[in-house]
């Protein structure tokens, strides 16, 4: 499998990205080719620091970088030689099977949607973030790709999230919940009410509306919402995770007795910390584009970059896109057959 990495994106640029790439190549022998896209001089300098001469690496030079202040679509059109645009081009030209970026999320989404187009039957792509609970992990979709979604987009997210949950995460019959203000179908705004009807009439394992508290108290495998709500949920969960461990550290070091207790419970704390650590999840797939695009955290460490490359490899291996196309095709055919009966 062949992966293109935007080596200039993210908060830390080439140092973390190249370090993560080196880690991935040392661990994953099934990655046959890794394109490092960006300033060749800077990339070569980082590879030299790690003493890496892996023949699977190919540097693809680009002269521009999308800044966080750039508007997404404008950046793709104006900065045609940016690292993210060139990385997506490699997928478009069938030189790479997937692209990974920790840079400007909007630009990665726009470049993928414009250059690769969407899959048949999909109108808008959605970011599928994987979040842990005590009993499972769930797919949150959309986590920020499309903030102005329509009801049909959320229905498509539900199908895409279900495919990813089944084929990549291993859940046989993923349950689907729709984020709303209450459990009853009459709760929510006009869009969520319409989406509720569409999900209920579909073949998905839809369990109804879920409130924010259900995400972790009574979790489902696929959580559906628009990109605005999803991004707020994602960022809030990340912030709470960091805050809780900061509070714990502060409280557990207040007295000698607490320090002793913390020492005995260290393994339990480390297990939970690892489970909630975004670095272990690596990146989130942008589902719905005709190619594979993995969106990594802007503050990605080398470990997070390594795991983002792992997620890309898993998506390639599990053939997620053909499964999405098939599920949408079945739904559209079933809907078309029902329409004459309704009239």
Protein backbone atom coordinates (compact mmCIF):
# COMPACT_ATOMS: atom_id res chain seq x y z
CA UNK A 1 0.00 0.00 0.00
CA UNK A 2 1.08 3.53 -0.85
CA UNK A 3 0.47 6.57 1.37
CA UNK A 4 1.12 10.28 0.82
CA UNK A 5 1.90 12.33 3.95
CA UNK A 6 1.54 16.10 4.00
CA UNK A 7 4.91 16.71 5.65
CA UNK A 8 4.39 20.46 6.16
CA UNK A 9 1.02 20.51 7.95
CA UNK A 10 0.28 20.64 11.66
CA UNK A 11 1.48 22.86 14.47
CA UNK A 12 5.04 21.51 14.44
CA UNK A 13 5.68 20.84 10.75
CA UNK A 14 8.34 18.44 9.42
CA UNK A 15 10.03 17.48 12.74
CA UNK A 16 7.00 15.65 14.18
CA UNK A 17 5.64 14.48 10.84
CA UNK A 18 8.88 12.98 9.58
CA UNK A 19 9.60 11.41 12.98
CA UNK A 20 6.15 9.79 12.91
CA UNK A 21 6.74 8.58 9.35
CA UNK A 22 10.01 6.94 10.38
CA UNK A 23 8.26 5.23 13.32
CA UNK A 24 5.52 3.94 11.01
CA UNK A 25 7.95 2.50 8.47
CA UNK A 26 9.88 0.71 11.20
CA UNK A 27 6.68 -0.87 12.55
CA UNK A 28 4.52 -1.43 9.48
CA UNK A 29 6.18 -3.53 6.81
CA UNK A 30 3.00 -3.58 4.71
CA UNK A 31 3.45 0.10 3.78
CA UNK A 32 5.18 -0.30 0.41
CA UNK A 33 5.62 3.37 -0.44
CA UNK A 34 5.49 6.54 1.64
CA UNK A 35 5.51 9.88 -0.15
CA UNK A 36 6.69 12.77 2.02
CA UNK A 37 5.24 15.89 0.40
CA UNK A 38 6.67 19.32 1.10
CA UNK A 39 9.95 21.26 1.22
CA UNK A 40 12.49 18.62 0.18
CA UNK A 41 15.39 20.33 1.93
CA UNK A 42 13.59 20.40 5.30
CA UNK A 43 12.34 16.83 4.90
CA UNK A 44 15.80 15.51 4.01
CA UNK A 45 17.27 17.28 7.05
CA UNK A 46 14.75 15.57 9.34
CA UNK A 47 15.37 12.16 7.78
CA UNK A 48 19.09 12.65 8.31
CA UNK A 49 18.49 13.36 12.03
CA UNK A 50 16.84 9.94 12.36
CA UNK A 51 19.42 8.20 10.23
CA UNK A 52 16.61 7.00 7.98
CA UNK A 53 17.49 5.78 4.49
CA UNK A 54 14.42 3.58 3.98
CA UNK A 55 13.99 2.89 0.25
CA UNK A 56 10.19 3.05 0.64
CA UNK A 57 10.38 6.82 1.17
CA UNK A 58 10.02 9.13 -1.80
CA UNK A 59 10.16 12.89 -1.31
CA UNK A 60 7.74 14.88 -3.44
CA UNK A 61 8.76 18.53 -3.46
CA UNK A 62 6.21 21.33 -3.10
CA UNK A 63 6.83 25.03 -2.63
CA UNK A 64 3.76 26.23 -0.73
CA UNK A 65 2.05 25.60 2.62
CA UNK A 66 -1.56 26.32 3.57
CA UNK A 67 -1.58 28.58 6.62
CA UNK A 68 -4.22 28.26 9.34
CA UNK A 69 -5.45 31.77 8.45
CA UNK A 70 -6.12 30.79 4.81
CA UNK A 71 -9.67 30.17 3.64
CA UNK A 72 -10.01 26.52 2.72
CA UNK A 73 -11.37 26.60 -0.85
CA UNK A 74 -9.38 29.71 -1.77
CA UNK A 75 -6.18 28.09 -0.51
CA UNK A 76 -6.75 25.00 -2.68
CA UNK A 77 -7.38 27.13 -5.75
CA UNK A 78 -4.70 29.76 -5.10
CA UNK A 79 -1.91 27.62 -3.62
CA UNK A 80 -1.84 24.90 -6.26
CA UNK A 81 1.66 23.80 -5.20
CA UNK A 82 0.82 23.45 -1.50
CA UNK A 83 1.83 20.25 0.27
CA UNK A 84 -1.79 19.20 0.90
CA UNK A 85 -2.84 19.81 -2.71
CA UNK A 86 0.12 17.87 -4.08
CA UNK A 87 -0.45 15.03 -1.61
CA UNK A 88 -4.09 14.71 -2.72
CA UNK A 89 -2.94 14.90 -6.36
CA UNK A 90 -0.89 11.74 -5.77
CA UNK A 91 -4.10 9.92 -4.79
CA UNK A 92 -5.97 11.41 -7.75
CA UNK A 93 -3.24 10.21 -10.15
CA UNK A 94 -3.28 6.74 -8.53
CA UNK A 95 0.29 7.13 -7.31
CA UNK A 96 -0.92 6.77 -3.70
CA UNK A 97 -3.82 4.89 -2.10
CA UNK A 98 -4.35 7.37 0.75
CA UNK A 99 -3.35 10.81 1.99
CA UNK A 100 -2.68 11.82 5.61
CA UNK A 101 -2.63 15.44 6.80
CA UNK A 102 -2.31 17.14 10.19
CA UNK A 103 -2.57 20.56 8.60
CA UNK A 104 -5.49 22.88 7.83
CA UNK A 105 -8.56 20.62 8.16
CA UNK A 106 -10.71 22.75 5.88
CA UNK A 107 -8.06 22.70 3.16
CA UNK A 108 -7.65 18.92 3.43
CA UNK A 109 -11.43 18.48 3.15
CA UNK A 110 -11.70 20.95 0.26
CA UNK A 111 -8.75 19.51 -1.66
CA UNK A 112 -10.11 15.98 -1.29
CA UNK A 113 -13.68 16.93 -2.25
CA UNK A 114 -12.62 19.08 -5.22
CA UNK A 115 -9.89 16.83 -6.63
CA UNK A 116 -11.18 13.36 -5.75
CA UNK A 117 -14.93 14.11 -5.83
CA UNK A 118 -17.43 12.26 -3.70
CA UNK A 119 -18.45 8.62 -3.98
CA UNK A 120 -21.58 7.75 -6.00
CA UNK A 121 -24.64 8.51 -3.89
CA UNK A 122 -22.75 10.74 -1.42
CA UNK A 123 -23.34 14.50 -1.51
CA UNK A 124 -20.96 15.70 1.21
CA UNK A 125 -18.06 13.97 2.98
CA UNK A 126 -17.93 13.69 6.77
CA UNK A 127 -15.10 13.30 9.27
CA UNK A 128 -15.45 10.12 11.33
CA UNK A 129 -13.75 10.58 14.70
CA UNK A 130 -13.35 7.52 16.94
CA UNK A 131 -13.97 8.12 20.65
CA UNK A 132 -13.68 5.65 23.57
CA UNK A 133 -16.17 4.76 26.30
CA UNK A 134 -15.90 2.23 29.13
CA UNK A 135 -17.49 -0.52 27.02
CA UNK A 136 -16.80 0.36 23.38
CA UNK A 137 -15.48 2.91 20.92
CA UNK A 138 -17.90 4.90 18.79
CA UNK A 139 -17.76 6.77 15.51
CA UNK A 140 -18.72 10.45 15.73
CA UNK A 141 -19.73 11.68 12.27
CA UNK A 142 -19.56 14.45 11.14
CA UNK A 143 -16.78 15.83 13.34
CA UNK A 144 -16.25 19.04 11.39
CA UNK A 145 -16.19 18.64 7.60
CA UNK A 146 -19.60 20.15 6.82
CA UNK A 147 -21.17 22.68 9.20
CA UNK A 148 -24.12 23.50 6.91
CA UNK A 149 -25.55 20.00 6.51
CA UNK A 150 -28.96 19.01 5.20
CA UNK A 151 -31.03 16.04 6.44
CA UNK A 152 -29.94 13.77 3.56
CA UNK A 153 -26.30 14.44 4.45
CA UNK A 154 -26.83 13.15 7.99
CA UNK A 155 -28.55 10.05 6.63
CA UNK A 156 -25.49 9.42 4.45
CA UNK A 157 -23.21 9.98 7.47
CA UNK A 158 -25.13 7.28 9.31
CA UNK A 159 -24.53 4.79 6.51
CA UNK A 160 -20.86 5.71 6.21
CA UNK A 161 -20.31 5.57 9.97
CA UNK A 162 -21.99 2.17 10.11
CA UNK A 163 -19.76 0.81 7.35
CA UNK A 164 -16.64 2.08 9.13
CA UNK A 165 -17.79 0.70 12.48
CA UNK A 166 -18.54 -2.69 10.98
CA UNK A 167 -15.57 -3.20 8.68
CA UNK A 168 -12.78 -1.36 10.52
CA UNK A 169 -13.82 -1.39 14.19
CA UNK A 170 -15.38 -4.85 14.03
CA UNK A 171 -18.95 -4.27 15.31
CA UNK A 172 -21.31 -6.76 13.65
CA UNK A 173 -24.47 -4.64 13.84
CA UNK A 174 -23.52 -1.11 14.94
CA UNK A 175 -26.22 0.86 16.74
CA UNK A 176 -26.87 4.37 15.46
CA UNK A 177 -27.95 7.37 17.52
CA UNK A 178 -28.88 10.89 16.40
CA UNK A 179 -27.65 13.77 18.57
CA UNK A 180 -30.61 15.89 19.70
CA UNK A 181 -32.01 17.79 22.70
CA UNK A 182 -34.11 14.90 23.98
CA UNK A 183 -34.86 11.23 23.41
CA UNK A 184 -38.38 11.75 22.06
CA UNK A 185 -38.77 12.02 18.29
CA UNK A 186 -40.58 15.37 18.68
CA UNK A 187 -37.51 16.93 20.34
CA UNK A 188 -34.84 18.87 18.44
CA UNK A 189 -34.87 21.34 15.57
CA UNK A 190 -36.57 20.87 12.21
CA UNK A 191 -33.53 19.23 10.69
CA UNK A 192 -33.07 16.60 13.41
CA UNK A 193 -36.81 15.81 13.32
CA UNK A 194 -36.57 15.17 9.59
CA UNK A 195 -33.38 13.11 9.98
CA UNK A 196 -35.08 11.04 12.69
CA UNK A 197 -37.83 10.04 10.24
CA UNK A 198 -35.30 9.15 7.55
CA UNK A 199 -33.15 7.06 9.89
CA UNK A 200 -36.18 5.26 11.33
CA UNK A 201 -37.33 4.30 7.82
CA UNK A 202 -33.87 3.04 6.82
CA UNK A 203 -32.37 -0.42 7.28
CA UNK A 204 -29.83 0.92 9.80
CA UNK A 205 -29.82 -0.24 13.43
CA UNK A 206 -31.22 3.10 14.57
CA UNK A 207 -32.01 3.39 18.29
CA UNK A 208 -33.34 6.96 18.23
CA UNK A 209 -32.27 10.33 19.55
CA UNK A 210 -29.45 10.57 22.06
CA UNK A 211 -28.47 13.44 24.30
CA UNK A 212 -24.93 14.43 25.17
CA UNK A 213 -25.00 12.37 28.37
CA UNK A 214 -25.74 9.21 26.40
CA UNK A 215 -22.40 9.36 24.61
CA UNK A 216 -20.70 7.75 27.59
CA UNK A 217 -23.54 6.61 29.90
CA UNK A 218 -25.44 4.53 27.34
CA UNK A 219 -23.18 4.49 24.29
CA UNK A 220 -24.03 3.53 20.72
CA UNK A 221 -21.51 2.62 18.03
CA UNK A 222 -22.34 5.44 15.57
CA UNK A 223 -23.21 8.97 16.67
CA UNK A 224 -24.68 11.15 13.90
CA UNK A 225 -24.73 14.96 13.86
CA UNK A 226 -23.83 17.91 11.66
CA UNK A 227 -20.22 19.12 11.53
CA UNK A 228 -20.81 22.13 13.77
CA UNK A 229 -22.21 20.05 16.63
CA UNK A 230 -19.73 17.23 16.03
CA UNK A 231 -16.68 19.47 16.17
CA UNK A 232 -17.89 21.05 19.42
CA UNK A 233 -18.41 17.57 20.92
CA UNK A 234 -14.97 16.41 19.77
CA UNK A 235 -13.09 19.45 21.06
CA UNK A 236 -15.00 19.37 24.36
CA UNK A 237 -14.19 15.68 24.91
CA UNK A 238 -10.51 16.30 24.19
CA UNK A 239 -10.42 19.24 26.60
CA UNK A 240 -12.22 17.37 29.40
CA UNK A 241 -9.83 14.42 29.08
CA UNK A 242 -6.80 16.67 29.53
CA UNK A 243 -8.46 18.65 32.35
CA UNK A 244 -9.44 15.57 34.38
CA UNK A 245 -5.89 14.19 34.43
CA UNK A 246 -4.55 17.63 35.37
CA UNK A 247 -7.03 17.79 38.26
CA UNK A 248 -6.18 14.25 39.35
CA UNK A 249 -2.47 14.97 39.36
CA UNK A 250 -3.02 18.10 41.43
CA UNK A 251 -5.27 16.37 43.99
CA UNK A 252 -3.22 13.16 44.27
CA UNK A 253 -0.05 15.05 45.15
CA UNK A 254 -1.58 17.22 47.86
CA UNK A 255 -0.69 14.89 50.76
CA UNK A 256 1.81 12.06 51.39
CA UNK A 257 -1.06 9.60 51.93
CA UNK A 258 -2.61 10.46 48.56
CA UNK A 259 0.76 10.06 46.87
CA UNK A 260 1.07 6.53 48.26
CA UNK A 261 -2.46 5.70 47.10
CA UNK A 262 -1.71 7.11 43.65
CA UNK A 263 1.39 4.92 43.42
CA UNK A 264 -0.68 1.79 44.02
CA UNK A 265 -3.29 2.91 41.45
CA UNK A 266 -0.72 4.01 38.87
CA UNK A 267 -1.41 1.14 36.46
CA UNK A 268 -5.14 1.90 36.44
CA UNK A 269 -4.51 5.59 35.79
CA UNK A 270 -2.09 4.76 32.97
CA UNK A 271 -4.62 2.41 31.36
CA UNK A 272 -7.31 5.09 31.34
CA UNK A 273 -4.88 7.73 30.13
CA UNK A 274 -3.83 5.52 27.22
CA UNK A 275 -7.46 4.79 26.36
CA UNK A 276 -8.33 8.50 26.21
CA UNK A 277 -5.11 9.63 24.53
CA UNK A 278 -5.81 11.04 21.04
CA UNK A 279 -2.28 10.00 19.99
CA UNK A 280 -3.32 6.34 20.11
CA UNK A 281 -6.18 6.94 17.66
CA UNK A 282 -3.97 8.85 15.22
CA UNK A 283 -6.40 10.36 12.77
CA UNK A 284 -9.97 10.48 11.55
CA UNK A 285 -11.01 9.29 8.08
CA UNK A 286 -12.80 11.72 5.80
CA UNK A 287 -15.54 9.36 4.63
CA UNK A 288 -17.42 9.92 1.38
CA UNK A 289 -14.63 11.06 -0.94
CA UNK A 290 -13.49 8.86 -3.82
CA UNK A 291 -10.18 8.10 -2.19
CA UNK A 292 -8.84 7.80 1.34
CA UNK A 293 -8.03 10.91 3.36
CA UNK A 294 -7.05 10.80 7.03
CA UNK A 295 -7.30 13.99 9.09
CA UNK A 296 -4.82 14.06 11.97
CA UNK A 297 -4.78 16.42 14.97
CA UNK A 298 -2.97 19.71 14.36
CA UNK A 299 -0.85 19.14 17.48
CA UNK A 300 0.06 15.59 16.43
CA UNK A 301 3.12 14.10 18.11
CA UNK A 302 5.29 11.57 16.23
CA UNK A 303 3.24 8.79 17.89
CA UNK A 304 -0.01 10.34 16.65
CA UNK A 305 1.41 10.65 13.12
CA UNK A 306 2.50 7.00 13.21
CA UNK A 307 -0.99 5.96 14.23
CA UNK A 308 -2.59 8.20 11.59
CA UNK A 309 -0.58 6.28 9.00
CA UNK A 310 -1.81 3.06 10.61
CA UNK A 311 -5.44 4.25 10.24
CA UNK A 312 -4.76 5.00 6.57
CA UNK A 313 -3.35 1.50 6.07
CA UNK A 314 -6.41 -0.03 7.80
CA UNK A 315 -8.78 1.93 5.57
CA UNK A 316 -6.93 0.75 2.47
CA UNK A 317 -6.91 -2.84 3.68
CA UNK A 318 -10.60 -2.97 4.66
CA UNK A 319 -11.84 -1.46 1.37
CA UNK A 320 -14.18 0.96 3.14
CA UNK A 321 -15.24 2.93 0.06
CA UNK A 322 -16.68 0.03 -1.98
CA UNK A 323 -18.72 -1.00 1.05
CA UNK A 324 -20.09 2.56 1.41
CA UNK A 325 -21.06 2.66 -2.28
CA UNK A 326 -22.83 -0.70 -1.96
CA UNK A 327 -24.78 0.31 1.16
CA UNK A 328 -25.94 3.58 -0.40
CA UNK A 329 -26.88 1.79 -3.63
CA UNK A 330 -29.05 -0.70 -1.71
CA UNK A 331 -30.76 2.09 0.22
CA UNK A 332 -31.51 4.11 -2.93
CA UNK A 333 -32.88 1.05 -4.72
CA UNK A 334 -35.11 0.15 -1.77
CA UNK A 335 -36.37 3.74 -1.55
CA UNK A 336 -37.10 3.84 -5.29
CA UNK A 337 -39.17 0.65 -5.01
CA UNK A 338 -41.21 2.09 -2.13
CA UNK A 339 -42.05 5.39 -3.85
CA UNK A 340 -44.69 3.99 -6.30
CA UNK A 341 -46.45 2.23 -3.40
CA UNK A 342 -46.58 5.48 -1.43
CA UNK A 343 -48.27 7.26 -4.33
